[in-house]
Amino acid sequence: MAAIAVSTASAVKLGYRPYPGSVPWGDSATLPEWVAPKDHPVNYFVPNFGTDSDIKATFKHTADTEEKLDHVLAASFDPPSTFKKNYFVPHFGEDNEIKYTKKNIKDAETALHHEYDTSAPGAAPPRNYFVPHFGEDTEMKYTRNNIV
């Protein structure tokens, strides 16, 4: 369906259907490549030449490091049973970005003769209050009457 606006600002309903083959949604649905019949070889033999030399080197270096540190690396995708709580987090003071941000805020407050209020917001705004309804807008009525 298409609508054409004419000079009187009213809409006219037109029937339109693209001719077959001009748009993809006019064609029948096709199956994805992995479901469609195969015209290439499948389930063919793939030779196994053993573990790659890079993988062998990684395993060797991991074993050497475990032996040197007397610790076995272990990986698990199981969630931990408990989490550490109340652990010490060192505080090394403010970093330079925080210092620069505070300086820039102070400079802006001085230049604008205004102090920024960073306190928490006040009480929640009022809710469920009365809103008068004066009926439908005339433009809405006109639009509704011209959409057919």
N, C-alpha and C. Protein backbone atom coordinates (compact mmCIF):
# COMPACT_ATOMS: atom_id res chain seq x y z
N MET A 1 0.84 -1.17 0.00
CA MET A 1 0.00 0.00 0.00
C MET A 1 0.89 1.23 0.00
N ALA A 2 0.46 2.25 -0.69
CA ALA A 2 1.19 3.51 -0.71
C ALA A 2 0.19 4.64 -0.64
N ALA A 3 0.60 5.73 -0.05
CA ALA A 3 -0.26 6.90 0.04
C ALA A 3 0.45 8.06 -0.62
N ILE A 4 -0.30 8.85 -1.37
CA ILE A 4 0.27 10.01 -2.03
C ILE A 4 -0.42 11.25 -1.48
N ALA A 5 0.36 12.23 -1.05
CA ALA A 5 -0.21 13.48 -0.55
C ALA A 5 -0.44 14.40 -1.73
N VAL A 6 -1.61 14.97 -1.83
CA VAL A 6 -1.91 15.90 -2.90
C VAL A 6 -1.97 17.30 -2.32
N SER A 7 -2.16 18.29 -3.17
CA SER A 7 -2.05 19.68 -2.75
C SER A 7 -3.05 20.08 -1.67
N THR A 8 -4.14 19.35 -1.53
CA THR A 8 -5.11 19.72 -0.51
C THR A 8 -4.78 19.07 0.84
N ALA A 9 -3.63 18.46 0.95
CA ALA A 9 -3.15 17.84 2.18
C ALA A 9 -4.04 16.69 2.63
N SER A 10 -4.69 16.04 1.70
CA SER A 10 -5.43 14.83 2.03
C SER A 10 -4.70 13.65 1.41
N ALA A 11 -4.95 12.47 1.91
CA ALA A 11 -4.24 11.29 1.43
C ALA A 11 -5.16 10.46 0.56
N VAL A 12 -4.54 9.81 -0.43
CA VAL A 12 -5.28 8.94 -1.33
C VAL A 12 -4.68 7.55 -1.21
N LYS A 13 -5.49 6.55 -1.06
CA LYS A 13 -5.04 5.18 -0.89
C LYS A 13 -4.87 4.55 -2.28
N LEU A 14 -3.69 4.02 -2.54
CA LEU A 14 -3.42 3.37 -3.82
C LEU A 14 -3.04 1.92 -3.57
N GLY A 15 -3.43 1.06 -4.47
CA GLY A 15 -2.99 -0.32 -4.39
C GLY A 15 -1.73 -0.49 -5.23
N TYR A 16 -0.69 -1.08 -4.68
CA TYR A 16 0.55 -1.25 -5.41
C TYR A 16 1.17 -2.58 -5.03
N ARG A 17 1.58 -3.30 -6.01
CA ARG A 17 2.28 -4.56 -5.79
C ARG A 17 3.43 -4.60 -6.78
N PRO A 18 4.68 -4.76 -6.31
CA PRO A 18 5.81 -4.79 -7.25
C PRO A 18 5.70 -6.01 -8.16
N TYR A 19 6.22 -5.86 -9.37
CA TYR A 19 6.16 -6.98 -10.30
C TYR A 19 7.12 -8.08 -9.85
N PRO A 20 6.79 -9.34 -10.13
CA PRO A 20 7.60 -10.47 -9.64
C PRO A 20 9.05 -10.36 -10.07
N GLY A 21 9.95 -10.66 -9.15
CA GLY A 21 11.38 -10.66 -9.43
C GLY A 21 12.05 -9.33 -9.18
N SER A 22 11.29 -8.26 -8.90
CA SER A 22 11.90 -6.95 -8.71
C SER A 22 12.35 -6.72 -7.26
N VAL A 23 11.80 -7.46 -6.33
CA VAL A 23 12.16 -7.30 -4.93
C VAL A 23 12.35 -8.67 -4.30
N PRO A 24 13.27 -8.78 -3.32
CA PRO A 24 13.53 -10.10 -2.73
C PRO A 24 12.35 -10.67 -1.96
N TRP A 25 11.51 -9.83 -1.35
CA TRP A 25 10.41 -10.36 -0.56
C TRP A 25 9.27 -10.87 -1.43
N GLY A 26 9.37 -10.67 -2.74
CA GLY A 26 8.37 -11.21 -3.64
C GLY A 26 8.66 -12.66 -4.00
N ASP A 27 9.88 -13.13 -3.75
CA ASP A 27 10.29 -14.49 -4.07
C ASP A 27 9.84 -15.44 -2.97
N SER A 28 9.80 -16.71 -3.29
CA SER A 28 9.48 -17.70 -2.27
C SER A 28 10.69 -17.89 -1.37
N ALA A 29 10.45 -18.34 -0.17
CA ALA A 29 11.51 -18.52 0.81
C ALA A 29 12.43 -19.66 0.39
N THR A 30 13.71 -19.51 0.69
CA THR A 30 14.69 -20.55 0.40
C THR A 30 15.33 -20.99 1.71
N LEU A 31 15.82 -22.21 1.72
CA LEU A 31 16.49 -22.74 2.91
C LEU A 31 17.90 -22.18 3.00
N PRO A 32 18.43 -22.05 4.21
CA PRO A 32 19.81 -21.61 4.35
C PRO A 32 20.76 -22.62 3.72
N GLU A 33 21.98 -22.16 3.46
CA GLU A 33 22.97 -23.00 2.78
C GLU A 33 23.26 -24.29 3.52
N TRP A 34 23.29 -24.23 4.87
CA TRP A 34 23.64 -25.43 5.63
C TRP A 34 22.50 -26.44 5.70
N VAL A 35 21.29 -26.05 5.29
CA VAL A 35 20.16 -26.96 5.29
C VAL A 35 19.85 -27.44 3.88
N ALA A 36 20.14 -26.60 2.90
CA ALA A 36 19.84 -26.92 1.51
C ALA A 36 20.64 -28.15 1.06
N PRO A 37 20.18 -28.83 0.04
CA PRO A 37 20.93 -29.99 -0.47
C PRO A 37 22.35 -29.60 -0.83
N LYS A 38 23.29 -30.48 -0.50
CA LYS A 38 24.71 -30.19 -0.70
C LYS A 38 25.12 -30.59 -2.13
N ASP A 39 25.80 -29.67 -2.79
CA ASP A 39 26.36 -30.00 -4.10
C ASP A 39 27.88 -30.03 -4.02
N HIS A 40 28.42 -30.06 -2.78
CA HIS A 40 29.86 -30.16 -2.57
C HIS A 40 30.12 -31.35 -1.64
N PRO A 41 31.32 -31.89 -1.66
CA PRO A 41 31.60 -33.09 -0.85
C PRO A 41 31.49 -32.80 0.65
N VAL A 42 30.93 -33.77 1.36
CA VAL A 42 30.82 -33.69 2.81
C VAL A 42 31.31 -35.00 3.41
N ASN A 43 31.62 -34.99 4.71
CA ASN A 43 32.08 -36.18 5.43
C ASN A 43 33.29 -36.83 4.77
N TYR A 44 34.22 -36.01 4.31
CA TYR A 44 35.43 -36.55 3.68
C TYR A 44 36.52 -36.71 4.74
N PHE A 45 37.55 -37.49 4.42
CA PHE A 45 38.65 -37.78 5.35
C PHE A 45 39.53 -36.54 5.53
N VAL A 46 39.83 -36.24 6.79
CA VAL A 46 40.74 -35.15 7.12
C VAL A 46 41.91 -35.78 7.88
N PRO A 47 43.12 -35.70 7.35
CA PRO A 47 44.25 -36.34 8.03
C PRO A 47 44.60 -35.60 9.32
N ASN A 48 45.09 -36.35 10.31
CA ASN A 48 45.52 -35.80 11.58
C ASN A 48 47.03 -35.97 11.66
N PHE A 49 47.76 -34.87 11.62
CA PHE A 49 49.21 -34.93 11.65
C PHE A 49 49.76 -34.73 13.06
N GLY A 50 48.91 -34.84 14.06
CA GLY A 50 49.37 -34.71 15.44
C GLY A 50 49.26 -33.28 15.95
N THR A 51 49.75 -33.09 17.15
CA THR A 51 49.67 -31.78 17.80
C THR A 51 50.64 -30.82 17.14
N ASP A 52 50.20 -29.59 16.94
CA ASP A 52 51.01 -28.54 16.34
C ASP A 52 52.20 -28.23 17.23
N SER A 53 53.31 -27.80 16.64
CA SER A 53 54.52 -27.52 17.42
C SER A 53 54.31 -26.34 18.37
N ASP A 54 53.50 -25.36 18.00
CA ASP A 54 53.23 -24.23 18.91
C ASP A 54 52.45 -24.70 20.14
N ILE A 55 51.52 -25.60 19.94
CA ILE A 55 50.76 -26.14 21.06
C ILE A 55 51.67 -26.96 21.97
N LYS A 56 52.54 -27.77 21.37
CA LYS A 56 53.50 -28.54 22.16
C LYS A 56 54.37 -27.62 23.00
N ALA A 57 54.84 -26.52 22.41
CA ALA A 57 55.69 -25.58 23.13
C ALA A 57 54.91 -24.92 24.28
N THR A 58 53.65 -24.60 24.03
CA THR A 58 52.83 -24.00 25.09
C THR A 58 52.66 -24.95 26.25
N PHE A 59 52.38 -26.22 25.97
CA PHE A 59 52.25 -27.22 27.03
C PHE A 59 53.56 -27.37 27.81
N LYS A 60 54.69 -27.38 27.11
CA LYS A 60 56.00 -27.52 27.76
C LYS A 60 56.27 -26.33 28.67
N HIS A 61 56.04 -25.11 28.16
CA HIS A 61 56.31 -23.91 28.96
C HIS A 61 55.39 -23.84 30.17
N THR A 62 54.14 -24.27 30.00
CA THR A 62 53.22 -24.29 31.14
C THR A 62 53.70 -25.28 32.20
N ALA A 63 54.11 -26.46 31.77
CA ALA A 63 54.61 -27.47 32.72
C ALA A 63 55.86 -26.97 33.42
N ASP A 64 56.78 -26.34 32.67
CA ASP A 64 58.01 -25.82 33.28
C ASP A 64 57.70 -24.76 34.33
N THR A 65 56.77 -23.86 34.01
CA THR A 65 56.41 -22.79 34.94
C THR A 65 55.72 -23.35 36.17
N GLU A 66 54.84 -24.33 35.99
CA GLU A 66 54.18 -24.95 37.14
C GLU A 66 55.20 -25.59 38.08
N GLU A 67 56.21 -26.23 37.48
CA GLU A 67 57.24 -26.87 38.30
C GLU A 67 58.08 -25.82 39.02
N LYS A 68 58.43 -24.76 38.31
CA LYS A 68 59.27 -23.71 38.90
C LYS A 68 58.55 -23.00 40.05
N LEU A 69 57.24 -22.74 39.89
CA LEU A 69 56.48 -22.02 40.90
C LEU A 69 55.83 -22.94 41.92
N ASP A 70 55.96 -24.24 41.71
CA ASP A 70 55.35 -25.25 42.58
C ASP A 70 53.84 -24.98 42.73
N HIS A 71 53.22 -24.74 41.61
CA HIS A 71 51.78 -24.46 41.58
C HIS A 71 51.22 -24.99 40.26
N VAL A 72 50.13 -25.75 40.35
CA VAL A 72 49.50 -26.29 39.16
C VAL A 72 48.37 -25.37 38.73
N LEU A 73 48.43 -24.92 37.49
CA LEU A 73 47.37 -24.08 36.95
C LEU A 73 46.14 -24.94 36.70
N ALA A 74 45.00 -24.45 37.15
CA ALA A 74 43.76 -25.18 36.94
C ALA A 74 42.69 -24.20 36.49
N ALA A 75 41.90 -24.61 35.54
CA ALA A 75 40.80 -23.77 35.07
C ALA A 75 39.49 -24.52 35.24
N SER A 76 38.48 -23.79 35.63
CA SER A 76 37.16 -24.38 35.80
C SER A 76 36.12 -23.33 35.44
N PHE A 77 35.05 -23.77 34.83
CA PHE A 77 33.96 -22.87 34.51
C PHE A 77 32.86 -22.93 35.56
N ASP A 78 33.10 -23.68 36.62
CA ASP A 78 32.15 -23.74 37.72
C ASP A 78 32.19 -22.44 38.50
N PRO A 79 31.05 -21.92 38.94
CA PRO A 79 31.08 -20.69 39.73
C PRO A 79 31.71 -20.96 41.10
N PRO A 80 32.40 -19.99 41.64
CA PRO A 80 33.03 -20.20 42.95
C PRO A 80 31.96 -20.41 44.02
N SER A 81 32.29 -21.21 45.02
CA SER A 81 31.32 -21.50 46.07
C SER A 81 31.09 -20.29 46.97
N THR A 82 32.15 -19.52 47.23
CA THR A 82 32.02 -18.31 48.04
C THR A 82 32.89 -17.22 47.42
N PHE A 83 32.60 -16.00 47.81
CA PHE A 83 33.37 -14.87 47.34
C PHE A 83 34.07 -14.24 48.53
N LYS A 84 35.26 -13.70 48.30
CA LYS A 84 35.97 -13.01 49.37
C LYS A 84 35.20 -11.74 49.72
N LYS A 85 35.12 -11.47 51.02
CA LYS A 85 34.43 -10.27 51.47
C LYS A 85 35.33 -9.52 52.44
N ASN A 86 35.10 -8.21 52.52
CA ASN A 86 35.83 -7.35 53.45
C ASN A 86 37.35 -7.48 53.29
N TYR A 87 37.80 -7.49 52.06
CA TYR A 87 39.24 -7.55 51.83
C TYR A 87 39.79 -6.13 51.72
N PHE A 88 41.08 -5.98 51.96
CA PHE A 88 41.73 -4.68 51.97
C PHE A 88 41.93 -4.19 50.54
N VAL A 89 41.53 -2.95 50.31
CA VAL A 89 41.77 -2.30 49.02
C VAL A 89 42.62 -1.07 49.30
N PRO A 90 43.84 -1.06 48.80
CA PRO A 90 44.71 0.09 49.10
C PRO A 90 44.20 1.35 48.40
N HIS A 91 44.41 2.50 49.04
CA HIS A 91 44.03 3.79 48.47
C HIS A 91 45.30 4.63 48.37
N PHE A 92 45.68 4.95 47.16
CA PHE A 92 46.92 5.69 46.94
C PHE A 92 46.66 7.17 46.71
N GLY A 93 45.49 7.66 47.10
CA GLY A 93 45.17 9.06 46.90
C GLY A 93 44.49 9.27 45.55
N GLU A 94 44.21 10.52 45.25
CA GLU A 94 43.53 10.84 43.99
C GLU A 94 44.52 10.77 42.83
N ASP A 95 44.06 10.24 41.72
CA ASP A 95 44.93 10.24 40.55
C ASP A 95 44.83 11.59 39.85
N ASN A 96 45.67 11.82 38.87
CA ASN A 96 45.75 13.12 38.21
C ASN A 96 44.45 13.50 37.51
N GLU A 97 43.74 12.53 36.94
CA GLU A 97 42.50 12.86 36.24
C GLU A 97 41.46 13.44 37.20
N ILE A 98 41.37 12.89 38.39
CA ILE A 98 40.43 13.40 39.39
C ILE A 98 40.85 14.81 39.81
N LYS A 99 42.15 15.01 40.03
CA LYS A 99 42.63 16.34 40.42
C LYS A 99 42.31 17.37 39.34
N TYR A 100 42.57 17.01 38.06
CA TYR A 100 42.29 17.94 36.97
C TYR A 100 40.80 18.22 36.85
N THR A 101 39.97 17.19 37.05
CA THR A 101 38.52 17.38 36.97
C THR A 101 38.05 18.35 38.05
N LYS A 102 38.52 18.16 39.28
CA LYS A 102 38.14 19.06 40.36
C LYS A 102 38.61 20.48 40.09
N LYS A 103 39.83 20.64 39.56
CA LYS A 103 40.35 21.98 39.23
C LYS A 103 39.50 22.62 38.15
N ASN A 104 39.13 21.86 37.11
CA ASN A 104 38.32 22.41 36.03
C ASN A 104 36.93 22.81 36.51
N ILE A 105 36.35 22.04 37.41
CA ILE A 105 35.04 22.39 37.97
C ILE A 105 35.15 23.69 38.76
N LYS A 106 36.21 23.81 39.57
CA LYS A 106 36.41 25.03 40.36
C LYS A 106 36.59 26.24 39.44
N ASP A 107 37.39 26.08 38.37
CA ASP A 107 37.61 27.17 37.43
C ASP A 107 36.30 27.57 36.75
N ALA A 108 35.47 26.58 36.37
CA ALA A 108 34.20 26.88 35.72
C ALA A 108 33.26 27.59 36.68
N GLU A 109 33.23 27.16 37.94
CA GLU A 109 32.38 27.81 38.94
C GLU A 109 32.81 29.27 39.14
N THR A 110 34.12 29.51 39.17
CA THR A 110 34.63 30.87 39.34
C THR A 110 34.28 31.73 38.13
N ALA A 111 34.48 31.21 36.93
CA ALA A 111 34.22 31.97 35.71
C ALA A 111 32.74 32.28 35.54
N LEU A 112 31.86 31.36 35.95
CA LEU A 112 30.42 31.53 35.74
C LEU A 112 29.71 32.11 36.96
N HIS A 113 30.46 32.34 38.03
CA HIS A 113 29.87 32.86 39.27
C HIS A 113 28.68 32.00 39.70
N HIS A 114 28.91 30.70 39.67
CA HIS A 114 27.85 29.76 40.01
C HIS A 114 28.48 28.53 40.65
N GLU A 115 27.91 28.08 41.75
CA GLU A 115 28.42 26.87 42.38
C GLU A 115 27.53 25.70 42.01
N TYR A 116 28.14 24.66 41.48
CA TYR A 116 27.38 23.47 41.07
C TYR A 116 26.88 22.72 42.29
N ASP A 117 25.62 22.30 42.22
CA ASP A 117 25.02 21.55 43.32
C ASP A 117 25.17 20.07 43.01
N THR A 118 25.99 19.39 43.77
CA THR A 118 26.22 17.96 43.55
C THR A 118 25.56 17.11 44.62
N SER A 119 24.66 17.73 45.38
CA SER A 119 23.98 16.96 46.43
C SER A 119 22.94 16.03 45.81
N ALA A 120 22.44 15.14 46.60
CA ALA A 120 21.44 14.18 46.13
C ALA A 120 20.15 14.92 45.77
N PRO A 121 19.36 14.38 44.85
CA PRO A 121 18.12 15.05 44.49
C PRO A 121 17.15 15.09 45.67
N GLY A 122 16.21 16.03 45.60
CA GLY A 122 15.23 16.18 46.67
C GLY A 122 14.21 15.07 46.63
N ALA A 123 13.04 15.38 47.14
CA ALA A 123 11.96 14.39 47.19
C ALA A 123 11.52 14.01 45.77
N ALA A 124 10.91 12.87 45.65
CA ALA A 124 10.43 12.40 44.35
C ALA A 124 9.37 13.36 43.81
N PRO A 125 9.29 13.52 42.49
CA PRO A 125 8.28 14.43 41.94
C PRO A 125 6.88 13.89 42.21
N PRO A 126 5.88 14.79 42.23
CA PRO A 126 4.51 14.32 42.49
C PRO A 126 4.04 13.38 41.38
N ARG A 127 3.20 12.43 41.77
CA ARG A 127 2.67 11.46 40.81
C ARG A 127 1.16 11.35 40.99
N ASN A 128 0.52 10.79 39.97
CA ASN A 128 -0.93 10.52 40.00
C ASN A 128 -1.75 11.78 40.28
N TYR A 129 -1.32 12.91 39.73
CA TYR A 129 -2.09 14.12 39.90
C TYR A 129 -3.09 14.28 38.75
N PHE A 130 -4.08 15.14 38.92
CA PHE A 130 -5.15 15.34 37.95
C PHE A 130 -4.63 16.11 36.74
N VAL A 131 -4.92 15.60 35.55
CA VAL A 131 -4.60 16.29 34.30
C VAL A 131 -5.91 16.47 33.55
N PRO A 132 -6.33 17.73 33.31
CA PRO A 132 -7.61 17.94 32.63
C PRO A 132 -7.56 17.49 31.18
N HIS A 133 -8.68 17.01 30.66
CA HIS A 133 -8.78 16.58 29.27
C HIS A 133 -9.83 17.45 28.59
N PHE A 134 -9.39 18.26 27.65
CA PHE A 134 -10.28 19.20 26.99
C PHE A 134 -10.81 18.66 25.67
N GLY A 135 -10.73 17.36 25.45
CA GLY A 135 -11.21 16.77 24.21
C GLY A 135 -10.10 16.65 23.18
N GLU A 136 -10.45 16.09 22.05
CA GLU A 136 -9.48 15.85 21.00
C GLU A 136 -9.10 17.15 20.31
N ASP A 137 -7.84 17.29 19.99
CA ASP A 137 -7.33 18.46 19.30
C ASP A 137 -7.94 18.55 17.90
N THR A 138 -8.16 19.77 17.41
CA THR A 138 -8.79 19.93 16.09
C THR A 138 -7.90 19.38 14.98
N GLU A 139 -6.58 19.52 15.10
CA GLU A 139 -5.69 18.96 14.08
C GLU A 139 -5.80 17.43 14.05
N MET A 140 -5.94 16.83 15.21
CA MET A 140 -6.09 15.37 15.27
C MET A 140 -7.39 14.94 14.60
N LYS A 141 -8.48 15.69 14.84
CA LYS A 141 -9.76 15.37 14.21
C LYS A 141 -9.64 15.47 12.70
N TYR A 142 -9.00 16.52 12.22
CA TYR A 142 -8.85 16.73 10.78
C TYR A 142 -8.02 15.59 10.17
N THR A 143 -6.92 15.23 10.84
CA THR A 143 -6.07 14.15 10.34
C THR A 143 -6.83 12.83 10.31
N ARG A 144 -7.56 12.53 11.39
CA ARG A 144 -8.32 11.28 11.46
C ARG A 144 -9.36 11.22 10.34
N ASN A 145 -10.00 12.32 10.02
CA ASN A 145 -11.02 12.34 8.97
C ASN A 145 -10.44 12.18 7.57
N ASN A 146 -9.17 12.55 7.39
CA ASN A 146 -8.54 12.47 6.07
C ASN A 146 -7.75 11.18 5.85
N ILE A 147 -7.62 10.35 6.85
CA ILE A 147 -6.96 9.05 6.67
C ILE A 147 -8.07 8.04 6.43
N VAL A 148 -8.08 7.51 5.24
CA VAL A 148 -9.15 6.57 4.87
C VAL A 148 -8.55 5.21 4.59
